[in-house]
C-alpha atoms as a PDB file:
ATOM      1  CA  MET A   1     -24.061  36.332   4.397  1.00  0.00           C
ATOM      2  CA  ILE A   2     -25.417  34.747   7.286  1.00  0.00           C
ATOM      3  CA  ILE A   3     -27.186  31.496   6.682  1.00  0.00           C
ATOM      4  CA  SER A   4     -29.812  30.208   9.009  1.00  0.00           C
ATOM      5  CA  VAL A   5     -29.943  26.492   9.413  1.00  0.00           C
ATOM      6  CA  ILE A   6     -33.251  24.941  10.453  1.00  0.00           C
ATOM      7  CA  ASN A   7     -33.582  21.630  11.790  1.00  0.00           C
ATOM      8  CA  HIS A   8     -36.540  19.503  10.712  1.00  0.00           C
ATOM      9  CA  THR A   9     -35.160  15.942  11.159  1.00  0.00           C
ATOM     10  CA  ASN A  10     -37.569  14.869  13.944  1.00  0.00           C
ATOM     11  CA  GLY A  11     -34.761  14.327  16.327  1.00  0.00           C
ATOM     12  CA  GLN A  12     -32.874  12.163  13.555  1.00  0.00           C
ATOM     13  CA  ILE A  13     -30.114  14.892  14.142  1.00  0.00           C
ATOM     14  CA  SER A  14     -29.807  16.582  17.272  1.00  0.00           C
ATOM     15  CA  ASP A  15     -29.094  20.347  17.475  1.00  0.00           C
ATOM     16  CA  GLU A  16     -25.951  19.465  19.313  1.00  0.00           C
ATOM     17  CA  GLN A  17     -24.514  17.291  16.393  1.00  0.00           C
ATOM     18  CA  LEU A  18     -25.690  19.971  14.138  1.00  0.00           C
ATOM     19  CA  HIS A  19     -23.726  22.730  15.889  1.00  0.00           C
ATOM     20  CA  GLU A  20     -20.664  20.393  15.757  1.00  0.00           C
ATOM     21  CA  ALA A  21     -20.965  20.230  12.020  1.00  0.00           C
ATOM     22  CA  ILE A  22     -21.664  23.790  11.590  1.00  0.00           C
ATOM     23  CA  ARG A  23     -18.376  24.876  13.562  1.00  0.00           C
ATOM     24  CA  ALA A  24     -16.566  22.603  11.092  1.00  0.00           C
ATOM     25  CA  ILE A  25     -18.297  24.082   8.001  1.00  0.00           C
ATOM     26  CA  ASN A  26     -17.738  27.527   9.249  1.00  0.00           C
ATOM     27  CA  ARG A  27     -14.053  26.917   9.566  1.00  0.00           C
ATOM     28  CA  GLN A  28     -14.051  25.557   5.796  1.00  0.00           C
ATOM     29  CA  LEU A  29     -15.938  28.791   4.650  1.00  0.00           C
ATOM     30  CA  ALA A  30     -13.414  30.970   6.579  1.00  0.00           C
ATOM     31  CA  GLU A  31     -10.058  29.220   6.163  1.00  0.00           C
ATOM     32  CA  ASP A  32     -10.539  27.217   2.911  1.00  0.00           C
ATOM     33  CA  TYR A  33     -13.420  28.670   0.806  1.00  0.00           C
ATOM     34  CA  THR A  34     -13.111  32.613   1.239  1.00  0.00           C
ATOM     35  CA  PRO A  35      -9.498  32.979   0.399  1.00  0.00           C
ATOM     36  CA  TYR A  36     -10.195  31.592  -2.978  1.00  0.00           C
ATOM     37  CA  TRP A  37     -13.779  32.948  -3.633  1.00  0.00           C
ATOM     38  CA  SER A  38     -13.657  36.130  -1.586  1.00  0.00           C
ATOM     39  CA  ILE A  39     -17.108  35.429  -0.414  1.00  0.00           C
ATOM     40  CA  GLN A  40     -17.652  35.386   3.350  1.00  0.00           C
ATOM     41  CA  ALA A  41     -20.514  33.606   5.117  1.00  0.00           C
ATOM     42  CA  ARG A  42     -21.348  31.991   8.277  1.00  0.00           C
ATOM     43  CA  LEU A  43     -24.025  29.230   9.255  1.00  0.00           C
ATOM     44  CA  ARG A  44     -25.968  29.332  12.510  1.00  0.00           C
ATOM     45  CA  VAL A  45     -28.640  27.122  13.954  1.00  0.00           C
ATOM     46  CA  GLU A  46     -32.051  29.071  14.361  1.00  0.00           C
ATOM     47  CA  GLY A  47     -35.713  28.460  14.013  1.00  0.00           C
ATOM     48  CA  GLU A  48     -37.956  26.040  15.413  1.00  0.00           C
ATOM     49  CA  SER A  49     -37.623  22.298  15.372  1.00  0.00           C
ATOM     50  CA  GLY A  50     -40.082  19.563  16.506  1.00  0.00           C
ATOM     51  CA  ASP A  51     -42.282  16.616  15.316  1.00  0.00           C
ATOM     52  CA  LYS A  52     -42.869  18.322  12.051  1.00  0.00           C
ATOM     53  CA  PRO A  53     -42.236  21.627  10.106  1.00  0.00           C
ATOM     54  CA  ARG A  54     -44.777  24.161  11.116  1.00  0.00           C
ATOM     55  CA  LYS A  55     -45.464  27.622  10.111  1.00  0.00           C
ATOM     56  CA  GLN A  56     -43.089  30.411  11.526  1.00  0.00           C
ATOM     57  CA  ASN A  57     -42.772  34.146  11.380  1.00  0.00           C
ATOM     58  CA  LEU A  58     -40.134  35.495   9.214  1.00  0.00           C
ATOM     59  CA  VAL A  59     -38.476  37.309  12.046  1.00  0.00           C
ATOM     60  CA  ASP A  60     -37.564  33.645  13.381  1.00  0.00           C
ATOM     61  CA  MET A  61     -35.225  33.338  10.536  1.00  0.00           C
ATOM     62  CA  ARG A  62     -32.630  36.169  11.018  1.00  0.00           C
ATOM     63  CA  GLY A  63     -30.277  35.453   8.211  1.00  0.00           C
ATOM     64  CA  ASP A  64     -29.714  36.191   4.609  1.00  0.00           C
ATOM     65  CA  ALA A  65     -30.455  32.748   3.353  1.00  0.00           C
ATOM     66  CA  VAL A  66     -31.849  29.379   4.872  1.00  0.00           C
ATOM     67  CA  LEU A  67     -30.733  25.738   4.814  1.00  0.00           C
ATOM     68  CA  TYR A  68     -33.298  23.207   5.747  1.00  0.00           C
ATOM     69  CA  LEU A  69     -32.422  19.595   7.207  1.00  0.00           C
ATOM     70  CA  TRP A  70     -35.291  17.364   6.194  1.00  0.00           C
ATOM     71  CA  ASP A  71     -35.874  14.020   7.487  1.00  0.00           C
ATOM     72  CA  GLN A  72     -37.251  12.512   4.187  1.00  0.00           C
ATOM     73  CA  VAL A  73     -36.958  13.134   0.420  1.00  0.00           C
ATOM     74  CA  ASP A  74     -39.953  15.375   0.000  1.00  0.00           C
ATOM     75  CA  VAL A  75     -39.355  18.004  -2.403  1.00  0.00           C
ATOM     76  CA  GLU A  76     -42.993  19.516  -2.789  1.00  0.00           C
ATOM     77  CA  ASP A  77     -43.487  19.651   1.035  1.00  0.00           C
ATOM     78  CA  ALA A  78     -40.142  21.344   1.565  1.00  0.00           C
ATOM     79  CA  LEU A  79     -40.691  23.846  -1.335  1.00  0.00           C
ATOM     80  CA  GLY A  80     -44.267  24.604   0.000  1.00  0.00           C
ATOM     81  CA  TYR A  81     -42.879  25.189   3.456  1.00  0.00           C
ATOM     82  CA  HIS A  82     -40.109  27.571   2.152  1.00  0.00           C
ATOM     83  CA  ASP A  83     -42.821  29.429   0.112  1.00  0.00           C
ATOM     84  CA  THR A  84     -45.083  29.688   2.888  1.00  0.00           C
ATOM     85  CA  ASN A  85     -42.646  31.057   5.502  1.00  0.00           C
ATOM     86  CA  HIS A  86     -39.685  32.503   3.709  1.00  0.00           C
ATOM     87  CA  ARG A  87     -40.704  33.157   0.108  1.00  0.00           C
ATOM     88  CA  GLY A  88     -38.039  35.139  -1.884  1.00  0.00           C
ATOM     89  CA  ILE A  89     -35.204  34.192   0.448  1.00  0.00           C
ATOM     90  CA  PRO A  90     -32.307  31.984  -1.090  1.00  0.00           C
ATOM     91  CA  CYS A  91     -32.596  28.477   0.238  1.00  0.00           C
ATOM     92  CA  GLY A  92     -30.943  25.178   0.040  1.00  0.00           C
ATOM     93  CA  TYR A  93     -32.037  21.619   1.353  1.00  0.00           C
ATOM     94  CA  VAL A  94     -30.356  18.716   2.990  1.00  0.00           C
ATOM     95  CA  PHE A  95     -32.501  15.563   2.708  1.00  0.00           C
ATOM     96  CA  THR A  96     -31.035  13.144   5.210  1.00  0.00           C
ATOM     97  CA  GLU A  97     -32.838  10.093   3.499  1.00  0.00           C
ATOM     98  CA  LEU A  98     -31.147  11.185   0.150  1.00  0.00           C
ATOM     99  CA  SER A  99     -27.723  11.370   1.934  1.00  0.00           C
ATOM    100  CA  LYS A 100     -28.277   7.724   3.113  1.00  0.00           C
ATOM    101  CA  LYS A 101     -29.384   6.594  -0.271  1.00  0.00           C
ATOM    102  CA  LEU A 102     -26.199   8.245  -1.735  1.00  0.00           C
ATOM    103  CA  LYS A 103     -24.202   6.584   1.032  1.00  0.00           C
ATOM    104  CA  GLU A 104     -22.872  10.204   1.877  1.00  0.00           C
ATOM    105  CA  ASN A 105     -22.370  11.654   5.487  1.00  0.00           C
ATOM    106  CA  TRP A 106     -24.989  14.239   5.946  1.00  0.00           C
ATOM    107  CA  THR A 107     -22.282  16.674   6.986  1.00  0.00           C
ATOM    108  CA  VAL A 108     -20.685  16.251   3.583  1.00  0.00           C
ATOM    109  CA  THR A 109     -24.224  17.101   2.227  1.00  0.00           C
ATOM    110  CA  LEU A 110     -24.765  20.143   4.330  1.00  0.00           C
ATOM    111  CA  SER A 111     -21.227  21.401   3.313  1.00  0.00           C
ATOM    112  CA  HIS A 112     -21.906  20.883  -0.269  1.00  0.00           C
ATOM    113  CA  GLU A 113     -25.339  22.714  -0.203  1.00  0.00           C
ATOM    114  CA  ALA A 114     -23.832  25.681   1.925  1.00  0.00           C
ATOM    115  CA  LEU A 115     -20.922  26.206  -0.447  1.00  0.00           C
ATOM    116  CA  GLU A 116     -23.154  26.134  -3.491  1.00  0.00           C
ATOM    117  CA  LEU A 117     -25.799  28.425  -1.669  1.00  0.00           C
ATOM    118  CA  VAL A 118     -23.015  30.924  -1.032  1.00  0.00           C
ATOM    119  CA  GLY A 119     -21.750  30.706  -4.611  1.00  0.00           C
ATOM    120  CA  ASP A 120     -24.983  31.153  -6.312  1.00  0.00           C
ATOM    121  CA  PRO A 121     -27.696  32.236  -3.844  1.00  0.00           C
ATOM    122  CA  GLU A 122     -30.461  32.996  -6.478  1.00  0.00           C
ATOM    123  CA  VAL A 123     -29.553  29.844  -8.560  1.00  0.00           C
ATOM    124  CA  ASN A 124     -29.260  31.979 -11.710  1.00  0.00           C
ATOM    125  CA  LEU A 125     -25.506  31.919 -12.714  1.00  0.00           C
ATOM    126  CA  LEU A 126     -24.490  30.217 -15.692  1.00  0.00           C
ATOM    127  CA  VAL A 127     -20.768  30.008 -17.287  1.00  0.00           C
ATOM    128  CA  ALA A 128     -20.067  29.477 -21.074  1.00  0.00           C
ATOM    129  CA  GLY A 129     -17.717  26.476 -21.555  1.00  0.00           C
ATOM    130  CA  PRO A 130     -16.993  23.498 -23.446  1.00  0.00           C
ATOM    131  CA  HIS A 131     -19.578  20.469 -23.523  1.00  0.00           C
ATOM    132  CA  PRO A 132     -18.393  18.151 -20.878  1.00  0.00           C
ATOM    133  CA  ASP A 133     -18.870  14.987 -23.056  1.00  0.00           C
ATOM    134  CA  PRO A 134     -15.751  14.463 -25.226  1.00  0.00           C
ATOM    135  CA  GLN A 135     -17.891  13.152 -28.109  1.00  0.00           C
ATOM    136  CA  GLU A 136     -19.283  16.703 -28.368  1.00  0.00           C
ATOM    137  CA  LYS A 137     -16.077  18.317 -28.713  1.00  0.00           C
ATOM    138  CA  GLY A 138     -16.277  21.768 -30.282  1.00  0.00           C
ATOM    139  CA  ARG A 139     -19.780  22.628 -28.757  1.00  0.00           C
ATOM    140  CA  THR A 140     -20.281  25.318 -26.216  1.00  0.00           C
ATOM    141  CA  VAL A 141     -22.803  25.099 -23.461  1.00  0.00           C
ATOM    142  CA  TYR A 142     -23.741  27.004 -20.203  1.00  0.00           C
ATOM    143  CA  HIS A 143     -22.587  25.338 -17.078  1.00  0.00           C
ATOM    144  CA  TRP A 144     -24.269  25.584 -13.857  1.00  0.00           C
ATOM    145  CA  PHE A 145     -22.218  27.594 -11.412  1.00  0.00           C
ATOM    146  CA  GLU A 146     -21.996  24.758  -8.898  1.00  0.00           C
ATOM    147  CA  MET A 147     -19.082  24.528  -6.441  1.00  0.00           C
ATOM    148  CA  CYS A 148     -19.169  20.905  -5.545  1.00  0.00           C
ATOM    149  CA  ASP A 149     -21.010  18.720  -8.211  1.00  0.00           C
ATOM    150  CA  ALA A 150     -18.090  18.131 -10.192  1.00  0.00           C
ATOM    151  CA  VAL A 151     -15.917  16.690  -7.086  1.00  0.00           C
ATOM    152  CA  GLN A 152     -19.030  15.351  -5.458  1.00  0.00           C
ATOM    153  CA  GLY A 153     -17.394  12.060  -4.671  1.00  0.00           C
ATOM    154  CA  GLU A 154     -14.578  13.763  -2.597  1.00  0.00           C
ATOM    155  CA  ALA A 155     -14.580  14.914   1.116  1.00  0.00           C
ATOM    156  CA  TYR A 156     -12.043  15.829   3.738  1.00  0.00           C
ATOM    157  CA  ALA A 157     -12.118  16.218   7.570  1.00  0.00           C
ATOM    158  CA  ILE A 158     -12.170  19.432   9.620  1.00  0.00           C
ATOM    159  CA  ASP A 159     -12.177  18.652  13.321  1.00  0.00           C
ATOM    160  CA  GLY A 160     -13.153  15.141  12.819  1.00  0.00           C
ATOM    161  CA  ILE A 161     -16.223  16.249  10.628  1.00  0.00           C
ATOM    162  CA  GLU A 162     -16.527  15.307   7.000  1.00  0.00           C
ATOM    163  CA  VAL A 163     -16.925  18.314   4.477  1.00  0.00           C
ATOM    164  CA  SER A 164     -17.186  18.441   0.824  1.00  0.00           C
ATOM    165  CA  ASN A 165     -14.581  19.343  -1.772  1.00  0.00           C
ATOM    166  CA  PHE A 166     -15.439  22.069  -4.045  1.00  0.00           C
ATOM    167  CA  VAL A 167     -13.739  23.763  -7.184  1.00  0.00           C
ATOM    168  CA  LEU A 168     -11.684  26.919  -7.360  1.00  0.00           C
ATOM    169  CA  PRO A 169     -12.072  29.924  -9.553  1.00  0.00           C
ATOM    170  CA  LEU A 170      -9.747  28.727 -12.345  1.00  0.00           C
ATOM    171  CA  TYR A 171     -12.311  25.685 -12.925  1.00  0.00           C
ATOM    172  CA  PHE A 172     -14.424  28.004 -14.783  1.00  0.00           C
ATOM    173  CA  THR A 173     -11.751  29.179 -17.336  1.00  0.00           C
ATOM    174  CA  SER A 174     -11.890  28.143 -20.896  1.00  0.00           C
ATOM    175  CA  GLY A 175      -8.118  26.955 -20.887  1.00  0.00           C
ATOM    176  CA  GLU A 176      -5.890  25.033 -18.645  1.00  0.00           C
ATOM    177  CA  GLU A 177      -3.444  27.380 -16.940  1.00  0.00           C
ATOM    178  CA  LYS A 178      -0.051  26.145 -16.281  1.00  0.00           C
ATOM    179  CA  GLY A 179       0.437  25.741 -12.422  1.00  0.00           C
ATOM    180  CA  GLY A 180      -3.041  26.425 -11.690  1.00  0.00           C
ATOM    181  CA  ARG A 181      -5.361  24.253  -9.554  1.00  0.00           C
ATOM    182  CA  ASN A 182      -8.959  23.584 -10.231  1.00  0.00           C
ATOM    183  CA  ASP A 183     -10.382  22.133  -6.978  1.00  0.00           C
ATOM    184  CA  PHE A 184      -9.260  22.533  -3.298  1.00  0.00           C
ATOM    185  CA  LEU A 185      -7.896  19.033  -2.749  1.00  0.00           C
ATOM    186  CA  GLY A 186      -6.446  18.582  -5.976  1.00  0.00           C
ATOM    187  CA  ARG A 187      -6.478  14.794  -5.964  1.00  0.00           C
ATOM    188  CA  SER A 188      -4.903  12.924  -8.887  1.00  0.00           C
ATOM    189  CA  HIS A 189      -7.008  10.352 -10.936  1.00  0.00           C
ATOM    190  CA  ARG A 190      -5.071   8.248 -13.168  1.00  0.00           C
ATOM    191  CA  GLY A 191      -2.212  10.619 -13.117  1.00  0.00           C
ATOM    192  CA  ASN A 192      -4.708  13.623 -13.802  1.00  0.00           C
ATOM    193  CA  SER A 193      -6.183  16.436 -11.680  1.00  0.00           C
ATOM    194  CA  LEU A 194      -9.309  17.932 -12.380  1.00  0.00           C
ATOM    195  CA  ARG A 195      -9.683  19.811 -15.732  1.00  0.00           C
ATOM    196  CA  SER A 196     -11.506  23.044 -16.330  1.00  0.00           C
ATOM    197  CA  PHE A 197     -15.300  22.139 -16.635  1.00  0.00           C
ATOM    198  CA  GLY A 198     -14.466  18.538 -16.091  1.00  0.00           C
ATOM    199  CA  VAL A 199     -15.685  16.023 -13.472  1.00  0.00           C
ATOM    200  CA  ASN A 200     -13.806  13.794 -11.036  1.00  0.00           C
ATOM    201  CA  PRO A 201     -14.836  10.009 -10.435  1.00  0.00           C
ATOM    202  CA  GLY A 202     -18.134  10.171  -8.550  1.00  0.00           C
ATOM    203  CA  GLY A 203     -19.167  13.598  -9.796  1.00  0.00           C
ATOM    204  CA  TYR A 204     -21.159  15.117 -12.428  1.00  0.00           C
ATOM    205  CA  VAL A 205     -21.822  18.614 -14.020  1.00  0.00           C
ATOM    206  CA  GLY A 206     -25.068  20.097 -15.261  1.00  0.00           C
ATOM    207  CA  PHE A 207     -25.525  22.643 -18.055  1.00  0.00           C
ATOM    208  CA  PHE A 208     -27.814  24.447 -20.333  1.00  0.00           C
ATOM    209  CA  ASP A 209     -27.525  23.404 -24.126  1.00  0.00           C
ATOM    210  CA  PRO A 210     -28.647  26.261 -26.302  1.00  0.00           C
ATOM    211  CA  SER A 211     -28.629  24.114 -29.272  1.00  0.00           C
ATOM    212  CA  THR A 212     -31.599  22.040 -28.004  1.00  0.00           C
ATOM    213  CA  GLY A 213     -33.115  24.864 -25.306  1.00  0.00           C
ATOM    214  CA  LYS A 214     -32.955  22.061 -22.575  1.00  0.00           C
ATOM    215  CA  ASP A 215     -30.653  21.138 -19.493  1.00  0.00           C
ATOM    216  CA  GLY A 216     -28.514  18.306 -19.394  1.00  0.00           C
ATOM    217  CA  ASP A 217     -25.944  16.641 -17.447  1.00  0.00           C
ATOM    218  CA  PHE A 218     -22.801  14.457 -17.800  1.00  0.00           C
ATOM    219  CA  SER A 219     -21.567  11.815 -15.136  1.00  0.00           C
ATOM    220  CA  ALA A 220     -17.986  10.774 -14.655  1.00  0.00           C
ATOM    221  CA  ASN A 221     -18.749   7.038 -14.102  1.00  0.00           C
ATOM    222  CA  GLU A 222     -21.254   4.434 -13.018  1.00  0.00           C
ATOM    223  CA  ARG A 223     -21.046   5.708  -9.340  1.00  0.00           C
ATOM    224  CA  ALA A 224     -21.803   9.339 -10.314  1.00  0.00           C
ATOM    225  CA  ARG A 225     -24.591   8.123 -12.519  1.00  0.00           C
ATOM    226  CA  LYS A 226     -26.256   6.416  -9.645  1.00  0.00           C
ATOM    227  CA  ARG A 227     -25.871   9.393  -7.514  1.00  0.00           C
ATOM    228  CA  LEU A 228     -27.514  11.680 -10.194  1.00  0.00           C
ATOM    229  CA  ALA A 229     -30.234   9.176 -10.420  1.00  0.00           C
ATOM    230  CA  VAL A 230     -31.082   9.423  -6.703  1.00  0.00           C
ATOM    231  CA  LYS A 231     -30.792  13.320  -6.999  1.00  0.00           C
ATOM    232  CA  ARG A 232     -33.009  13.522  -9.937  1.00  0.00           C
ATOM    233  CA  GLY A 233     -35.960  11.566  -7.641  1.00  0.00           C
ATOM    234  CA  ALA A 234     -35.494  14.641  -5.424  1.00  0.00           C
ATOM    235  CA  GLY A 235     -35.579  17.263  -8.586  1.00  0.00           C
ATOM    236  CA  ARG A 236     -31.866  17.945  -7.728  1.00  0.00           C
ATOM    237  CA  ALA A 237     -33.060  19.557  -4.552  1.00  0.00           C
ATOM    238  CA  ARG A 238     -32.108  23.375  -4.629  1.00  0.00           C
ATOM    239  CA  ARG A 239     -31.696  23.845  -8.473  1.00  0.00           C
ATOM    240  CA  GLY A 240     -34.260  21.476  -9.173  1.00  0.00           C
ATOM    241  CA  THR A 241     -37.077  23.210  -7.129  1.00  0.00           C
ATOM    242  CA  ARG A 242     -35.951  26.571  -8.668  1.00  0.00           C
ATOM    243  CA  TYR A 243     -36.430  25.590 -12.097  1.00  0.00           C
ATOM    244  CA  GLN A 244     -39.589  23.673 -11.299  1.00  0.00           C
ATOM    245  CA  GLN A 245     -41.022  27.158 -10.330  1.00  0.00           C
ATOM    246  CA  PHE A 246     -39.742  28.652 -13.594  1.00  0.00           C
ATOM    247  CA  THR A 247     -41.095  25.794 -15.692  1.00  0.00           C
ATOM    248  CA  ALA A 248     -44.676  26.289 -13.962  1.00  0.00           C
ATOM    249  CA  LYS A 249     -44.429  29.986 -14.768  1.00  0.00           C
ATOM    250  CA  ILE A 250     -43.714  29.481 -18.473  1.00  0.00           C
ATOM    251  CA  LYS A 251     -46.408  26.804 -18.968  1.00  0.00           C
ATOM    252  CA  ALA A 252     -48.926  29.174 -17.161  1.00  0.00           C
ATOM    253  CA  ARG A 253     -48.286  31.754 -19.841  1.00  0.00           C
END
């Protein structure tokens, strides 16, 4: 997969800075992500940037998917721009103002969105697993197939650029496998590493609950809840905009 990255930050992030971040994330994809997930992808800067996003022809974006860097938290404008120019193409959003509110380096956000875009381009994959809330033990829900949310509070550096931690395939298994690892960094918190379908401090998981017919989420701690509250304000970016479209179609019927 080739992911076109389009810079609409009005000079807040220069293309030179973006190239530096992309080189690090491409290394992450090739050296860290692909060996575990067997999915190959590369990011590259393309398209136009200027004072404000403007219409462009589809041929200006030569990738299989697109990631937008947006200089504000404006889901409606971002979604409208995508539908006008690249309808039907898998997409992700990096809202730089949202990164500031979360006190997260925008390069970590870009890495996060890139890995999740590669893992679930159409935002339509779910995995059956236990309810993440210990008080709901024994209930089965359908977890969003997201690569970084559960370890959202963790990052590491490649060539001096911060990138996001991510979960490994064993994370989505129903039982704990002896000697297995559920996330790339494998950090220990209070003597325990990330469990399958679990969350690390600063992270959260989203899921569909068949008993209620609604989406839900579970946060690890207060820091994670604050992060999730900020993300809710942006409709959870990529997944939120996708589900907003589905909801609109259902209501229209």
